[in-house]
């Protein structure tokens, strides 16, 4: 369904998220809280560049309409390679790794930390989920 009478991208998003299933899909894919979408629609906050890009990927049927309604306001954000923030490692992530390291049993530590780090790396290195693989190699002691 097209929402031709939407005046801007916020209004379009507001119309789209009236469908509870679509709204839930957006929450799941973007990892944002329900209140966040409402704040975007109301104009109380602006989405982060990576969330805006991912929103376009989550709703491909509305991609062209969103881009048209976004206009010049977000042109720089949507340009390839515009998201330099993906190079920064969030302090919250570092704290979660240190906490997991301290609170995970030794037998489970390697895989728990590996999973945590790989998820973060994929999110930062491939925020648009275009496809990326990370291989983990672990050196083992010789049993001889």
N, C-alpha and C. Protein backbone atom coordinates (compact mmCIF):
# COMPACT_ATOMS: atom_id res chain seq x y z
N UNK A 1 0.84 -1.18 0.00
CA UNK A 1 0.00 0.00 0.00
C UNK A 1 0.89 1.24 0.00
N UNK A 2 0.55 2.20 -0.82
CA UNK A 2 1.30 3.46 -0.89
C UNK A 2 0.56 4.53 -0.08
N UNK A 3 1.31 5.38 0.53
CA UNK A 3 0.75 6.49 1.29
C UNK A 3 1.13 7.77 0.55
N UNK A 4 0.45 8.00 -0.57
CA UNK A 4 0.78 9.10 -1.47
C UNK A 4 0.56 10.47 -0.83
N UNK A 5 -0.35 10.56 0.13
CA UNK A 5 -0.68 11.88 0.68
C UNK A 5 0.20 12.28 1.86
N UNK A 6 1.26 11.52 2.14
CA UNK A 6 2.18 11.89 3.22
C UNK A 6 2.95 13.13 2.82
N UNK A 7 3.02 14.09 3.73
CA UNK A 7 3.69 15.37 3.44
C UNK A 7 5.18 15.35 3.75
N UNK A 8 5.59 14.50 4.70
CA UNK A 8 7.01 14.35 5.01
C UNK A 8 7.26 12.93 5.49
N UNK A 9 8.55 12.60 5.72
CA UNK A 9 8.90 11.23 6.07
C UNK A 9 8.35 10.83 7.43
N UNK A 10 8.22 11.78 8.34
CA UNK A 10 7.69 11.48 9.66
C UNK A 10 6.21 11.07 9.58
N UNK A 11 5.46 11.78 8.77
CA UNK A 11 4.06 11.45 8.59
C UNK A 11 3.92 10.08 7.92
N UNK A 12 4.77 9.81 6.94
CA UNK A 12 4.77 8.51 6.27
C UNK A 12 5.05 7.39 7.28
N UNK A 13 6.07 7.58 8.11
CA UNK A 13 6.39 6.58 9.12
C UNK A 13 5.22 6.39 10.08
N UNK A 14 4.59 7.47 10.47
CA UNK A 14 3.42 7.39 11.36
C UNK A 14 2.30 6.57 10.75
N UNK A 15 2.08 6.73 9.46
CA UNK A 15 1.04 5.95 8.78
C UNK A 15 1.42 4.47 8.72
N UNK A 16 2.67 4.21 8.44
CA UNK A 16 3.15 2.83 8.28
C UNK A 16 3.06 2.08 9.60
N UNK A 17 3.46 2.71 10.70
CA UNK A 17 3.51 2.00 11.99
C UNK A 17 2.14 1.84 12.64
N UNK A 18 1.09 2.28 11.96
CA UNK A 18 -0.26 2.00 12.46
C UNK A 18 -0.55 0.50 12.39
N UNK A 19 0.14 -0.20 11.49
CA UNK A 19 0.04 -1.66 11.41
C UNK A 19 0.97 -2.23 12.49
N UNK A 20 0.39 -2.89 13.49
CA UNK A 20 1.15 -3.38 14.64
C UNK A 20 2.25 -4.37 14.23
N UNK A 21 2.00 -5.18 13.21
CA UNK A 21 3.01 -6.16 12.78
C UNK A 21 4.22 -5.46 12.18
N UNK A 22 3.97 -4.44 11.39
CA UNK A 22 5.08 -3.68 10.78
C UNK A 22 5.84 -2.95 11.87
N UNK A 23 5.12 -2.37 12.81
CA UNK A 23 5.75 -1.65 13.92
C UNK A 23 6.66 -2.59 14.71
N UNK A 24 6.19 -3.80 14.99
CA UNK A 24 6.99 -4.78 15.72
C UNK A 24 8.22 -5.19 14.92
N UNK A 25 8.05 -5.36 13.61
CA UNK A 25 9.18 -5.71 12.75
C UNK A 25 10.25 -4.62 12.79
N UNK A 26 9.84 -3.37 12.80
CA UNK A 26 10.79 -2.26 12.87
C UNK A 26 11.52 -2.29 14.22
N UNK A 27 10.79 -2.51 15.31
CA UNK A 27 11.43 -2.61 16.64
C UNK A 27 12.49 -3.69 16.62
N UNK A 28 12.11 -4.87 16.11
CA UNK A 28 13.01 -6.01 16.11
C UNK A 28 14.25 -5.76 15.25
N UNK A 29 14.05 -5.22 14.07
CA UNK A 29 15.17 -5.02 13.14
C UNK A 29 16.10 -3.89 13.57
N UNK A 30 15.52 -2.80 14.07
CA UNK A 30 16.35 -1.65 14.44
C UNK A 30 16.87 -1.74 15.87
N UNK A 31 16.21 -2.54 16.70
CA UNK A 31 16.61 -2.63 18.09
C UNK A 31 16.31 -1.35 18.86
N UNK A 32 15.26 -0.64 18.47
CA UNK A 32 14.88 0.59 19.17
C UNK A 32 13.66 0.34 20.05
N UNK A 33 13.46 1.19 21.00
CA UNK A 33 12.31 1.10 21.89
C UNK A 33 11.07 1.67 21.19
N UNK A 34 9.88 1.20 21.55
CA UNK A 34 8.65 1.72 20.93
C UNK A 34 8.53 3.24 21.03
N UNK A 35 8.93 3.80 22.14
CA UNK A 35 8.84 5.24 22.33
C UNK A 35 9.71 6.00 21.31
N UNK A 36 10.81 5.36 20.89
CA UNK A 36 11.71 6.01 19.95
C UNK A 36 11.02 6.29 18.62
N UNK A 37 10.29 5.30 18.10
CA UNK A 37 9.57 5.51 16.84
C UNK A 37 8.56 6.65 16.98
N UNK A 38 7.87 6.67 18.09
CA UNK A 38 6.88 7.74 18.31
C UNK A 38 7.56 9.10 18.37
N UNK A 39 8.74 9.16 18.96
CA UNK A 39 9.47 10.43 19.04
C UNK A 39 9.93 10.89 17.66
N UNK A 40 10.32 9.92 16.81
CA UNK A 40 10.69 10.27 15.43
C UNK A 40 9.48 10.84 14.69
N UNK A 41 8.34 10.16 14.83
CA UNK A 41 7.12 10.58 14.14
C UNK A 41 6.69 11.97 14.63
N UNK A 42 6.78 12.20 15.94
CA UNK A 42 6.36 13.49 16.51
C UNK A 42 7.36 14.61 16.27
N UNK A 43 8.58 14.27 15.83
CA UNK A 43 9.60 15.27 15.61
C UNK A 43 10.37 15.64 16.86
N UNK A 44 10.18 14.86 17.94
CA UNK A 44 10.89 15.13 19.19
C UNK A 44 12.35 14.72 19.13
N UNK A 45 12.68 13.81 18.23
CA UNK A 45 14.08 13.40 18.05
C UNK A 45 14.28 12.96 16.61
N UNK A 46 15.54 12.92 16.23
CA UNK A 46 15.92 12.47 14.89
C UNK A 46 16.61 11.13 15.00
N UNK A 47 16.38 10.26 14.02
CA UNK A 47 17.05 8.96 14.06
C UNK A 47 18.55 9.10 13.83
N UNK A 48 19.32 8.20 14.43
CA UNK A 48 20.74 8.14 14.14
C UNK A 48 20.90 7.72 12.68
N UNK A 49 22.01 8.12 12.06
CA UNK A 49 22.20 7.78 10.65
C UNK A 49 22.06 6.29 10.35
N UNK A 50 22.65 5.44 11.21
CA UNK A 50 22.57 4.00 10.95
C UNK A 50 21.14 3.49 11.09
N UNK A 51 20.35 4.08 12.00
CA UNK A 51 18.95 3.68 12.14
C UNK A 51 18.12 4.12 10.95
N UNK A 52 18.42 5.29 10.44
CA UNK A 52 17.70 5.79 9.27
C UNK A 52 17.99 4.90 8.06
N UNK A 53 19.24 4.55 7.87
CA UNK A 53 19.60 3.66 6.76
C UNK A 53 18.94 2.31 6.92
N UNK A 54 18.95 1.77 8.13
CA UNK A 54 18.36 0.46 8.38
C UNK A 54 16.84 0.52 8.21
N UNK A 55 16.22 1.63 8.57
CA UNK A 55 14.78 1.79 8.38
C UNK A 55 14.41 1.64 6.91
N UNK A 56 15.24 2.21 6.05
CA UNK A 56 15.00 2.09 4.61
C UNK A 56 15.14 0.64 4.15
N UNK A 57 16.03 -0.11 4.78
CA UNK A 57 16.20 -1.52 4.44
C UNK A 57 15.07 -2.39 4.99
N UNK A 58 14.55 -2.02 6.15
CA UNK A 58 13.46 -2.78 6.77
C UNK A 58 12.15 -2.58 5.99
N UNK A 59 12.00 -1.41 5.39
CA UNK A 59 10.79 -1.08 4.64
C UNK A 59 11.11 -0.82 3.17
N UNK A 60 11.60 -1.84 2.45
CA UNK A 60 12.02 -1.61 1.06
C UNK A 60 10.89 -1.15 0.15
N UNK A 61 9.67 -1.53 0.47
CA UNK A 61 8.54 -1.14 -0.37
C UNK A 61 8.25 0.37 -0.29
N UNK A 62 8.78 1.02 0.72
CA UNK A 62 8.60 2.47 0.89
C UNK A 62 9.91 3.23 0.70
N UNK A 63 10.97 2.56 0.32
CA UNK A 63 12.30 3.17 0.23
C UNK A 63 12.31 4.42 -0.65
N UNK A 64 11.80 4.31 -1.87
CA UNK A 64 11.82 5.45 -2.79
C UNK A 64 11.00 6.61 -2.24
N UNK A 65 9.86 6.31 -1.66
CA UNK A 65 9.02 7.35 -1.10
C UNK A 65 9.71 8.04 0.08
N UNK A 66 10.36 7.25 0.94
CA UNK A 66 11.10 7.83 2.06
C UNK A 66 12.21 8.76 1.54
N UNK A 67 12.99 8.28 0.58
CA UNK A 67 14.10 9.08 0.05
C UNK A 67 13.59 10.39 -0.53
N UNK A 68 12.48 10.32 -1.23
CA UNK A 68 11.89 11.53 -1.81
C UNK A 68 11.45 12.50 -0.71
N UNK A 69 10.82 11.96 0.33
CA UNK A 69 10.32 12.81 1.42
C UNK A 69 11.43 13.30 2.34
N UNK A 70 12.52 12.55 2.43
CA UNK A 70 13.65 12.98 3.26
C UNK A 70 14.31 14.21 2.66
N UNK A 71 14.32 14.29 1.34
CA UNK A 71 14.85 15.46 0.66
C UNK A 71 16.31 15.73 0.97
N UNK A 72 16.67 16.98 0.92
CA UNK A 72 18.05 17.40 1.11
C UNK A 72 18.50 17.31 2.56
N UNK A 73 17.56 17.24 3.49
CA UNK A 73 17.87 17.23 4.91
C UNK A 73 18.80 16.08 5.29
N UNK A 74 18.64 14.92 4.64
CA UNK A 74 19.40 13.73 5.01
C UNK A 74 20.29 13.21 3.89
N UNK A 75 20.54 14.00 2.87
CA UNK A 75 21.33 13.55 1.72
C UNK A 75 22.72 13.08 2.15
N UNK A 76 23.39 13.85 3.00
CA UNK A 76 24.74 13.49 3.44
C UNK A 76 24.75 12.20 4.26
N UNK A 77 23.73 12.02 5.07
CA UNK A 77 23.64 10.82 5.90
C UNK A 77 23.45 9.57 5.05
N UNK A 78 22.66 9.68 4.00
CA UNK A 78 22.35 8.52 3.17
C UNK A 78 23.42 8.21 2.14
N UNK A 79 24.40 9.10 2.00
CA UNK A 79 25.48 8.84 1.04
C UNK A 79 26.34 7.68 1.52
N UNK A 80 26.83 6.83 0.59
CA UNK A 80 27.68 5.71 1.00
C UNK A 80 28.92 6.20 1.75
N UNK A 81 29.26 5.52 2.82
CA UNK A 81 30.45 5.85 3.60
C UNK A 81 30.30 7.06 4.48
N UNK A 82 29.07 7.55 4.66
CA UNK A 82 28.86 8.76 5.44
C UNK A 82 28.88 8.53 6.94
N UNK A 83 28.82 7.29 7.35
CA UNK A 83 28.70 7.00 8.78
C UNK A 83 30.05 6.69 9.41
N UNK A 84 30.79 7.73 9.79
CA UNK A 84 32.09 7.55 10.42
C UNK A 84 31.95 7.13 11.88
N UNK A 85 30.77 7.31 12.46
CA UNK A 85 30.56 6.93 13.86
C UNK A 85 30.71 5.44 14.06
N UNK A 86 30.59 4.67 12.97
CA UNK A 86 30.70 3.21 13.10
C UNK A 86 32.12 2.79 13.47
N UNK A 87 33.07 3.70 13.39
CA UNK A 87 34.46 3.38 13.74
C UNK A 87 34.69 3.43 15.24
N UNK A 88 33.83 4.13 15.96
CA UNK A 88 33.98 4.26 17.40
C UNK A 88 33.42 3.03 18.10
N UNK A 89 34.14 2.58 19.12
CA UNK A 89 33.66 1.45 19.92
C UNK A 89 32.96 2.06 21.14
N UNK A 90 31.66 1.81 21.28
CA UNK A 90 30.92 2.42 22.39
C UNK A 90 31.43 1.94 23.75
N UNK A 91 31.51 2.86 24.69
CA UNK A 91 31.98 2.51 26.04
C UNK A 91 31.03 1.51 26.70
N UNK A 92 29.75 1.57 26.36
CA UNK A 92 28.78 0.62 26.91
C UNK A 92 29.12 -0.81 26.47
N UNK A 93 29.59 -0.96 25.23
CA UNK A 93 29.99 -2.29 24.74
C UNK A 93 31.22 -2.78 25.51
N UNK A 94 32.19 -1.92 25.70
CA UNK A 94 33.41 -2.30 26.44
C UNK A 94 33.03 -2.74 27.86
N UNK A 95 32.13 -2.00 28.49
CA UNK A 95 31.68 -2.37 29.83
C UNK A 95 30.99 -3.73 29.83
N UNK A 96 30.20 -4.02 28.79
CA UNK A 96 29.52 -5.32 28.74
C UNK A 96 30.51 -6.45 28.52
N UNK A 97 31.57 -6.22 27.75
CA UNK A 97 32.60 -7.25 27.55
C UNK A 97 33.33 -7.52 28.87
N UNK A 98 33.71 -6.46 29.56
CA UNK A 98 34.40 -6.63 30.84
C UNK A 98 33.51 -7.33 31.87
N UNK A 99 32.24 -6.99 31.87
CA UNK A 99 31.31 -7.63 32.79
C UNK A 99 31.15 -9.11 32.45
N UNK A 100 31.01 -9.41 31.16
CA UNK A 100 30.88 -10.82 30.74
C UNK A 100 32.15 -11.59 31.08
N UNK A 101 33.27 -10.98 30.90
CA UNK A 101 34.57 -11.61 31.22
C UNK A 101 34.65 -11.96 32.71
N UNK A 102 34.18 -11.04 33.53
CA UNK A 102 34.26 -11.24 34.98
C UNK A 102 33.21 -12.22 35.50
N UNK A 103 32.08 -12.33 34.81
CA UNK A 103 30.96 -13.10 35.36
C UNK A 103 30.65 -14.40 34.62
N UNK A 104 31.49 -14.77 33.66
CA UNK A 104 31.24 -16.00 32.90
C UNK A 104 32.21 -17.08 33.34
N UNK A 105 31.69 -18.28 33.51
CA UNK A 105 32.55 -19.41 33.88
C UNK A 105 33.64 -19.60 32.84
N UNK A 106 34.77 -20.05 33.28
CA UNK A 106 35.95 -20.22 32.43
C UNK A 106 35.65 -21.08 31.21
N UNK A 107 34.89 -22.15 31.39
CA UNK A 107 34.59 -23.08 30.30
C UNK A 107 33.77 -22.42 29.19
N UNK A 108 32.97 -21.44 29.53
CA UNK A 108 32.07 -20.78 28.57
C UNK A 108 32.59 -19.42 28.10
N UNK A 109 33.67 -18.96 28.69
CA UNK A 109 34.14 -17.60 28.48
C UNK A 109 34.50 -17.30 27.02
N UNK A 110 35.28 -18.18 26.38
CA UNK A 110 35.73 -17.91 25.01
C UNK A 110 34.54 -17.72 24.07
N UNK A 111 33.61 -18.66 24.09
CA UNK A 111 32.49 -18.57 23.15
C UNK A 111 31.53 -17.45 23.51
N UNK A 112 31.33 -17.20 24.77
CA UNK A 112 30.45 -16.10 25.18
C UNK A 112 31.01 -14.76 24.72
N UNK A 113 32.30 -14.55 24.99
CA UNK A 113 32.92 -13.29 24.58
C UNK A 113 33.00 -13.18 23.06
N UNK A 114 33.32 -14.30 22.40
CA UNK A 114 33.39 -14.29 20.93
C UNK A 114 32.05 -13.87 20.33
N UNK A 115 30.97 -14.45 20.82
CA UNK A 115 29.64 -14.13 20.31
C UNK A 115 29.31 -12.66 20.53
N UNK A 116 29.59 -12.16 21.70
CA UNK A 116 29.34 -10.76 22.04
C UNK A 116 30.12 -9.83 21.11
N UNK A 117 31.38 -10.13 20.92
CA UNK A 117 32.25 -9.27 20.10
C UNK A 117 31.88 -9.36 18.62
N UNK A 118 31.56 -10.55 18.14
CA UNK A 118 31.18 -10.71 16.73
C UNK A 118 29.90 -9.94 16.42
N UNK A 119 28.94 -10.02 17.32
CA UNK A 119 27.68 -9.27 17.08
C UNK A 119 27.95 -7.78 16.98
N UNK A 120 28.78 -7.27 17.87
CA UNK A 120 29.12 -5.85 17.83
C UNK A 120 29.87 -5.50 16.55
N UNK A 121 30.82 -6.34 16.18
CA UNK A 121 31.61 -6.08 14.97
C UNK A 121 30.72 -6.08 13.73
N UNK A 122 29.83 -7.04 13.63
CA UNK A 122 28.92 -7.08 12.48
C UNK A 122 28.03 -5.85 12.43
N UNK A 123 27.53 -5.44 13.59
CA UNK A 123 26.69 -4.25 13.65
C UNK A 123 27.41 -2.99 13.23
N UNK A 124 28.70 -2.91 13.55
CA UNK A 124 29.48 -1.72 13.20
C UNK A 124 30.04 -1.78 11.79
N UNK A 125 30.50 -2.94 11.38
CA UNK A 125 31.15 -3.06 10.08
C UNK A 125 30.16 -3.23 8.93
N UNK A 126 28.97 -3.74 9.23
CA UNK A 126 27.95 -3.93 8.20
C UNK A 126 26.60 -3.45 8.72
N UNK A 127 26.47 -2.15 9.02
CA UNK A 127 25.24 -1.65 9.62
C UNK A 127 24.02 -1.78 8.70
N UNK A 128 24.25 -1.82 7.40
CA UNK A 128 23.14 -1.94 6.46
C UNK A 128 22.77 -3.39 6.18
N UNK A 129 23.47 -4.31 6.84
CA UNK A 129 23.22 -5.75 6.70
C UNK A 129 23.22 -6.19 5.24
N UNK A 130 24.26 -5.78 4.56
CA UNK A 130 24.42 -6.16 3.16
C UNK A 130 25.06 -7.53 3.01
N UNK A 131 25.70 -7.99 4.05
CA UNK A 131 26.31 -9.31 4.03
C UNK A 131 27.78 -9.24 4.39
N UNK A 132 28.15 -9.96 5.41
CA UNK A 132 29.53 -9.97 5.86
C UNK A 132 29.73 -11.23 6.68
N UNK A 133 30.91 -11.75 6.62
CA UNK A 133 31.25 -12.93 7.42
C UNK A 133 32.48 -12.62 8.25
N UNK A 134 32.47 -13.14 9.47
CA UNK A 134 33.62 -13.02 10.36
C UNK A 134 33.99 -14.43 10.78
N UNK A 135 35.25 -14.75 10.67
CA UNK A 135 35.73 -16.07 11.05
C UNK A 135 36.54 -15.96 12.34
N UNK A 136 36.26 -16.84 13.26
CA UNK A 136 36.98 -16.87 14.53
C UNK A 136 37.90 -18.09 14.50
N UNK A 137 39.16 -17.84 14.76
CA UNK A 137 40.15 -18.93 14.81
C UNK A 137 40.74 -18.92 16.20
N UNK A 138 40.81 -20.09 16.79
CA UNK A 138 41.35 -20.18 18.13
C UNK A 138 42.53 -21.16 18.12
N UNK A 139 43.65 -20.70 18.61
CA UNK A 139 44.82 -21.57 18.70
C UNK A 139 44.70 -22.42 19.96
N UNK A 140 45.04 -23.68 19.82
CA UNK A 140 44.93 -24.62 20.93
C UNK A 140 46.32 -25.13 21.30
N UNK A 141 46.49 -25.46 22.57
CA UNK A 141 47.74 -26.05 23.02
C UNK A 141 47.89 -27.43 22.42
N UNK A 142 49.10 -27.76 22.15
CA UNK A 142 49.39 -29.11 21.67
C UNK A 142 49.22 -30.09 22.84
N UNK A 143 48.69 -31.28 22.54
CA UNK A 143 48.48 -32.26 23.60
C UNK A 143 49.64 -33.22 23.71
N UNK A 144 50.70 -32.99 22.95
CA UNK A 144 51.88 -33.89 23.00
C UNK A 144 52.73 -33.58 24.17
